[in-house]
Amino acid sequence: MTEQRAVRRVVTGHSADGKAVFVSDERVAPVEPIMTPGNSFHLLWGGDAPPSYPDDGSRPATTAYFPPIGGFRFGMFTLPPNASRSGPVDDVDPAVAAAEFESLLPGLASHMEADHPGMHTTASIDFEVVLSGTPTLELDDGAVVTLGPGDTVIQNGTRHRWGNPGSEPATLAVVLIGAHHQRVTP
């Protein structure tokens, strides 16, 4: 793990007699694919079906980074400064890096446009909150907005890409909810 620290995840549930209890309190380390140096993803919670209460504190099973219709995800991601993004990692076999990326973040790469790096569209409604840094959000028409700590974004299945023109990493918290999308298959 690089300088990015693990995030504390506290989960509540119910005891056998219906009382609220803490069922899990642990640190979740970020996923840091070698294919995208400086990027990190905290996969904090999610499910592939409508939510129910996992009273034992276990994270529901998921099959892909983005949720299916009715599924949901909660996590964080960190973007390195644009100036530190150097493209492919030296001394790394591209096939090995791609396989590792797919195993850590299943399905994420398939949403990325090869001819427009970082651009992607998902069948989800995304709620993002900037925790630190100054990330940018670019839409398919080239419109860009610069965000700062505390700013929020509601992403309604639009084509977009994230950037970070700042000198420090930018971290965002995100909730993804699977939704019907006419042009994207979850």
Protein backbone atom coordinates (compact mmCIF):
# COMPACT_ATOMS: atom_id res chain seq x y z
CA MET A 1 0.00 0.00 0.00
CA THR A 2 1.36 3.43 -0.90
CA GLU A 3 0.88 6.56 1.20
CA GLN A 4 -2.91 6.16 0.91
CA ARG A 5 -4.12 4.89 4.26
CA ALA A 6 -6.75 2.32 5.02
CA VAL A 7 -10.22 3.67 5.78
CA ARG A 8 -12.03 2.70 8.95
CA ARG A 9 -15.39 1.03 8.24
CA VAL A 10 -17.81 0.67 11.15
CA VAL A 11 -20.90 -1.45 10.47
CA THR A 12 -24.02 -1.71 12.61
CA GLY A 13 -26.50 -4.56 12.75
CA HIS A 14 -29.03 -6.16 15.04
CA SER A 15 -28.64 -8.61 17.87
CA ALA A 16 -30.84 -11.70 18.12
CA ASP A 17 -33.27 -9.70 20.28
CA GLY A 18 -33.44 -6.80 17.77
CA LYS A 19 -31.15 -4.33 19.52
CA ALA A 20 -28.75 -2.16 17.50
CA VAL A 21 -25.16 -3.36 17.84
CA PHE A 22 -21.75 -2.72 16.28
CA VAL A 23 -21.00 -5.85 14.29
CA SER A 24 -17.80 -4.83 12.52
CA ASP A 25 -15.08 -2.25 13.02
CA GLU A 26 -12.14 -2.69 10.69
CA ARG A 27 -9.74 -0.97 8.34
CA VAL A 28 -10.27 -1.42 4.59
CA ALA A 29 -7.11 -1.07 2.52
CA PRO A 30 -7.36 0.55 -0.90
CA VAL A 31 -7.07 -1.38 -4.14
CA GLU A 32 -4.16 0.14 -6.09
CA PRO A 33 -3.82 -1.39 -9.57
CA ILE A 34 -0.31 -1.25 -11.01
CA MET A 35 -1.91 -0.32 -14.36
CA THR A 36 -3.02 3.06 -12.96
CA PRO A 37 -0.27 4.33 -10.65
CA GLY A 38 -1.43 6.78 -7.99
CA ASN A 39 -5.08 5.77 -8.31
CA SER A 40 -6.64 3.98 -5.38
CA PHE A 41 -10.12 2.65 -4.75
CA HIS A 42 -11.70 1.85 -1.38
CA LEU A 43 -14.40 -0.76 -1.98
CA LEU A 44 -16.31 -0.14 1.23
CA TRP A 45 -19.73 -1.72 0.72
CA GLY A 46 -22.09 -2.90 -1.97
CA GLY A 47 -24.63 -5.45 -3.09
CA ASP A 48 -26.01 -6.86 -6.32
CA ALA A 49 -29.58 -7.03 -5.08
CA PRO A 50 -31.92 -4.65 -3.30
CA PRO A 51 -30.48 -3.87 0.12
CA SER A 52 -31.22 -5.92 3.19
CA TYR A 53 -29.56 -5.79 6.57
CA PRO A 54 -26.49 -8.00 6.91
CA ASP A 55 -26.67 -8.16 10.69
CA ASP A 56 -23.39 -10.03 10.97
CA GLY A 57 -21.42 -7.09 9.50
CA SER A 58 -20.26 -8.94 6.42
CA ARG A 59 -20.02 -7.04 3.15
CA PRO A 60 -22.59 -8.37 0.67
CA ALA A 61 -21.16 -10.28 -2.29
CA THR A 62 -20.65 -8.35 -5.51
CA THR A 63 -19.55 -9.49 -8.95
CA ALA A 64 -18.40 -6.28 -10.63
CA TYR A 65 -17.16 -2.79 -9.81
CA PHE A 66 -20.37 -1.16 -11.07
CA PRO A 67 -23.70 -2.40 -9.64
CA PRO A 68 -26.43 -4.08 -11.65
CA ILE A 69 -29.93 -2.60 -11.72
CA GLY A 70 -31.14 -2.65 -8.11
CA GLY A 71 -27.57 -3.08 -6.79
CA PHE A 72 -25.45 -0.49 -5.04
CA ARG A 73 -21.87 0.34 -4.11
CA PHE A 74 -20.19 2.60 -1.57
CA GLY A 75 -16.53 3.47 -1.76
CA MET A 76 -13.86 6.05 -2.25
CA PHE A 77 -11.39 6.71 -5.03
CA THR A 78 -8.23 8.78 -5.22
CA LEU A 79 -6.85 10.48 -8.31
CA PRO A 80 -3.17 11.37 -8.52
CA PRO A 81 -2.24 14.80 -9.87
CA ASN A 82 -2.39 14.88 -13.69
CA ALA A 83 1.29 15.82 -13.81
CA SER A 84 2.24 12.54 -12.09
CA ARG A 85 0.33 10.37 -14.57
CA SER A 86 2.98 9.06 -16.89
CA GLY A 87 0.99 6.51 -18.85
CA PRO A 88 1.94 2.85 -18.87
CA VAL A 89 4.11 1.65 -16.02
CA ASP A 90 7.67 0.77 -17.03
CA ASP A 91 8.82 -2.81 -16.51
CA VAL A 92 5.27 -4.14 -16.19
CA ASP A 93 3.84 -6.65 -18.63
CA PRO A 94 0.67 -5.00 -20.04
CA ALA A 95 -1.21 -8.32 -20.03
CA VAL A 96 -0.30 -8.93 -16.39
CA ALA A 97 -1.33 -5.37 -15.44
CA ALA A 98 -4.65 -5.70 -17.31
CA ALA A 99 -5.38 -9.05 -15.63
CA GLU A 100 -4.59 -7.59 -12.22
CA PHE A 101 -6.81 -4.54 -12.90
CA GLU A 102 -9.71 -6.82 -13.91
CA SER A 103 -9.29 -9.02 -10.83
CA LEU A 104 -9.19 -6.01 -8.46
CA LEU A 105 -11.90 -3.90 -10.17
CA PRO A 106 -14.02 -6.35 -12.21
CA GLY A 107 -15.69 -4.77 -15.22
CA LEU A 108 -14.32 -1.24 -14.70
CA ALA A 109 -11.94 -1.38 -17.68
CA SER A 110 -14.72 -2.50 -20.03
CA HIS A 111 -16.50 0.82 -19.42
CA MET A 112 -13.44 2.88 -20.34
CA GLU A 113 -13.10 4.21 -23.89
CA ALA A 114 -9.77 3.20 -25.42
CA ASP A 115 -9.71 6.14 -27.84
CA HIS A 116 -10.60 8.69 -25.14
CA PRO A 117 -8.64 7.71 -22.00
CA GLY A 118 -10.69 7.98 -18.83
CA MET A 119 -14.00 8.68 -20.59
CA HIS A 120 -16.74 6.30 -19.54
CA THR A 121 -20.50 5.91 -19.16
CA THR A 122 -22.19 3.67 -16.62
CA ALA A 123 -25.68 2.38 -15.98
CA SER A 124 -25.76 3.97 -12.55
CA ILE A 125 -26.68 7.07 -10.64
CA ASP A 126 -23.58 8.18 -8.76
CA PHE A 127 -23.43 10.43 -5.71
CA GLU A 128 -19.92 11.83 -5.13
CA VAL A 129 -18.50 14.01 -2.38
CA VAL A 130 -15.04 15.55 -2.68
CA LEU A 131 -13.11 14.86 0.50
CA SER A 132 -9.78 16.42 -0.47
CA GLY A 133 -7.99 17.96 -3.42
CA THR A 134 -9.32 19.73 -6.52
CA PRO A 135 -10.60 17.14 -8.99
CA THR A 136 -12.16 18.09 -12.32
CA LEU A 137 -15.16 16.51 -13.97
CA GLU A 138 -15.26 16.66 -17.77
CA LEU A 139 -18.36 15.82 -19.80
CA ASP A 140 -18.49 14.53 -23.36
CA ASP A 141 -18.91 18.01 -24.86
CA GLY A 142 -15.66 19.20 -23.24
CA ALA A 143 -17.35 21.15 -20.44
CA VAL A 144 -15.24 20.96 -17.27
CA VAL A 145 -16.03 21.88 -13.68
CA THR A 146 -13.38 22.13 -10.95
CA LEU A 147 -14.47 20.83 -7.57
CA GLY A 148 -13.17 21.26 -4.03
CA PRO A 149 -13.60 19.66 -0.61
CA GLY A 150 -17.27 19.41 0.34
CA ASP A 151 -18.52 19.80 -3.24
CA THR A 152 -20.94 17.13 -4.44
CA VAL A 153 -21.85 15.64 -7.81
CA ILE A 154 -24.89 13.65 -8.88
CA GLN A 155 -23.84 11.75 -11.99
CA ASN A 156 -26.88 10.53 -13.95
CA GLY A 157 -25.36 8.01 -16.34
CA THR A 158 -23.56 10.68 -18.37
CA ARG A 159 -20.35 10.21 -20.35
CA HIS A 160 -17.51 11.71 -18.29
CA ARG A 161 -13.93 11.54 -17.06
CA TRP A 162 -12.16 12.64 -13.90
CA GLY A 163 -8.95 14.65 -13.72
CA ASN A 164 -6.79 16.29 -11.10
CA PRO A 165 -4.92 19.45 -12.13
CA GLY A 166 -3.82 20.05 -8.53
CA SER A 167 -0.50 19.17 -6.94
CA GLU A 168 -1.98 16.81 -4.32
CA PRO A 169 -4.07 13.63 -4.72
CA ALA A 170 -7.85 14.20 -4.84
CA THR A 171 -10.11 11.81 -2.92
CA LEU A 172 -13.86 11.39 -3.42
CA ALA A 173 -16.46 9.30 -1.61
CA VAL A 174 -18.97 7.69 -3.98
CA VAL A 175 -22.29 5.85 -3.81
CA LEU A 176 -23.28 4.06 -7.04
CA ILE A 177 -26.83 2.81 -7.58
CA GLY A 178 -27.56 0.55 -10.55
CA ALA A 179 -30.11 2.14 -12.90
CA HIS A 180 -31.73 1.51 -16.26
CA HIS A 181 -29.74 3.17 -19.07
CA GLN A 182 -30.80 3.03 -22.72
CA ARG A 183 -27.22 2.95 -24.03
CA VAL A 184 -25.27 1.06 -21.36
CA THR A 185 -25.47 -2.50 -20.16
CA PRO A 186 -24.50 -2.91 -16.49
